[in-house]
Amino acid sequence: MKRALTLATGAAVGYVAGTRAGREKYERMKLRVHAVGRQPAVVDLRENLQERAQTATKTVSKAVAGKVTEATSELAKKVKERSHGAEPSTPVVPAPETADEYPPAPTGIVPDDGAV
């Protein structure tokens, strides 16, 4: 029990000391990053990269839209070609006119004669 208490106390002291030191280093690093981000060369680079990204996005979206349009029109042509003059894949059976013409509903009971 004494070992567990000593271990827990040491862990707690180490945690508190580490978080304080870690927080101070984090704050210093954050200030440095903000200072670098405000430098004119970095600001110009960021703006240049944003413009390039916007231009690339517009170019790619136009190209993709063109390809989608092409693929859609080709698919529509294929569907038209197959549907003209082709027999339907599933035969169309008209519905019975009276209720007596419907087949009996399955009961799930197997006949005794052994025919399955």
Protein backbone atom coordinates (compact mmCIF):
# COMPACT_ATOMS: atom_id res chain seq x y z
CA MET A 1 0.00 0.00 0.00
CA LYS A 2 2.87 2.33 0.83
CA ARG A 3 4.46 1.71 -2.58
CA ALA A 4 1.22 2.50 -4.40
CA LEU A 5 0.78 5.73 -2.43
CA THR A 6 4.40 6.76 -3.13
CA LEU A 7 3.97 5.97 -6.82
CA ALA A 8 0.70 7.94 -7.05
CA THR A 9 2.23 10.93 -5.23
CA GLY A 10 5.27 10.91 -7.53
CA ALA A 11 3.06 10.67 -10.60
CA ALA A 12 0.90 13.58 -9.42
CA VAL A 13 3.91 15.81 -8.69
CA GLY A 14 5.47 14.92 -12.03
CA TYR A 15 2.21 15.64 -13.85
CA VAL A 16 1.78 19.06 -12.24
CA ALA A 17 5.41 20.05 -12.85
CA GLY A 18 5.29 18.76 -16.43
CA THR A 19 2.07 20.55 -17.33
CA ARG A 20 3.33 23.87 -15.98
CA ALA A 21 6.60 23.58 -17.88
CA GLY A 22 4.81 22.30 -20.96
CA ARG A 23 2.28 25.14 -20.90
CA GLU A 24 5.03 27.78 -20.68
CA LYS A 25 6.87 26.24 -23.63
CA TYR A 26 3.62 26.01 -25.58
CA GLU A 27 2.85 29.69 -24.98
CA ARG A 28 6.36 30.72 -26.10
CA MET A 29 6.10 28.58 -29.22
CA LYS A 30 2.66 30.05 -30.00
CA LEU A 31 4.01 33.61 -29.76
CA ARG A 32 6.91 32.74 -32.09
CA VAL A 33 4.59 31.19 -34.67
CA HIS A 34 2.33 34.26 -34.64
CA ALA A 35 5.36 36.55 -35.00
CA VAL A 36 6.60 34.57 -38.02
CA GLY A 37 3.10 34.57 -39.52
CA ARG A 38 2.95 38.38 -39.44
CA GLN A 39 6.22 38.89 -41.35
CA PRO A 40 5.66 40.49 -44.79
CA ALA A 41 7.37 37.67 -46.72
CA VAL A 42 5.16 35.05 -45.09
CA VAL A 43 2.02 37.13 -45.67
CA ASP A 44 2.90 37.53 -49.37
CA LEU A 45 3.61 33.81 -49.72
CA ARG A 46 0.30 32.91 -48.06
CA GLU A 47 -1.67 35.25 -50.35
CA ASN A 48 0.15 33.89 -53.43
CA LEU A 49 -0.63 30.29 -52.43
CA GLN A 50 -4.29 31.15 -51.83
CA GLU A 51 -4.59 32.70 -55.31
CA ARG A 52 -2.95 29.64 -56.89
CA ALA A 53 -5.28 27.32 -55.01
CA GLN A 54 -8.35 29.25 -56.15
CA THR A 55 -7.17 29.23 -59.77
CA ALA A 56 -6.43 25.50 -59.64
CA THR A 57 -9.83 24.81 -58.08
CA LYS A 58 -11.62 26.66 -60.88
CA THR A 59 -9.61 24.86 -63.56
CA VAL A 60 -10.16 21.43 -62.07
CA SER A 61 -13.87 21.99 -61.48
CA LYS A 62 -14.36 23.02 -65.15
CA ALA A 63 -12.47 19.94 -66.34
CA VAL A 64 -14.46 17.62 -64.07
CA ALA A 65 -17.74 19.19 -65.16
CA GLY A 66 -16.79 18.60 -68.81
CA LYS A 67 -15.91 14.95 -68.17
CA VAL A 68 -19.16 14.38 -66.27
CA THR A 69 -21.15 15.90 -69.14
CA GLU A 70 -19.35 13.67 -71.66
CA ALA A 71 -19.89 10.53 -69.60
CA THR A 72 -23.55 11.34 -69.06
CA SER A 73 -24.24 11.91 -72.74
CA GLU A 74 -22.41 8.68 -73.70
CA LEU A 75 -24.41 6.73 -71.15
CA ALA A 76 -27.65 8.24 -72.42
CA LYS A 77 -26.73 7.22 -75.99
CA LYS A 78 -26.01 3.64 -74.89
CA VAL A 79 -29.29 3.41 -73.00
CA LYS A 80 -31.22 4.71 -76.05
CA GLU A 81 -29.48 2.23 -78.35
CA ARG A 82 -30.28 -0.70 -76.10
CA SER A 83 -33.87 0.32 -75.46
CA HIS A 84 -34.88 0.79 -79.12
CA GLY A 85 -36.04 -2.47 -80.63
CA ALA A 86 -35.02 -4.57 -77.65
CA GLU A 87 -37.36 -6.92 -75.84
CA PRO A 88 -37.95 -6.13 -72.19
CA SER A 89 -35.80 -8.27 -69.91
CA THR A 90 -38.77 -9.12 -67.66
CA PRO A 91 -41.98 -10.26 -69.35
CA VAL A 92 -44.99 -8.12 -68.59
CA VAL A 93 -47.95 -10.18 -67.36
CA PRO A 94 -51.30 -8.43 -67.07
CA ALA A 95 -53.03 -8.50 -63.71
CA PRO A 96 -55.98 -10.89 -63.31
CA GLU A 97 -59.38 -9.31 -63.85
CA THR A 98 -61.10 -11.09 -60.95
CA ALA A 99 -59.94 -12.28 -57.56
CA ASP A 100 -60.62 -15.91 -58.56
CA GLU A 101 -57.81 -15.82 -61.12
CA TYR A 102 -55.07 -15.21 -58.51
CA PRO A 103 -53.06 -18.30 -57.48
CA PRO A 104 -53.62 -19.59 -53.96
CA ALA A 105 -51.40 -18.14 -51.24
CA PRO A 106 -48.64 -20.43 -49.94
CA THR A 107 -49.45 -22.06 -46.63
CA GLY A 108 -46.09 -23.52 -45.71
CA ILE A 109 -47.69 -26.94 -45.17
CA VAL A 110 -45.99 -29.82 -46.98
CA PRO A 111 -48.36 -32.42 -48.48
CA ASP A 112 -48.34 -35.92 -46.97
CA ASP A 113 -47.83 -37.70 -50.27
CA GLY A 114 -44.07 -37.07 -50.12
CA ALA A 115 -44.02 -34.75 -53.13
CA VAL A 116 -41.94 -31.75 -52.27
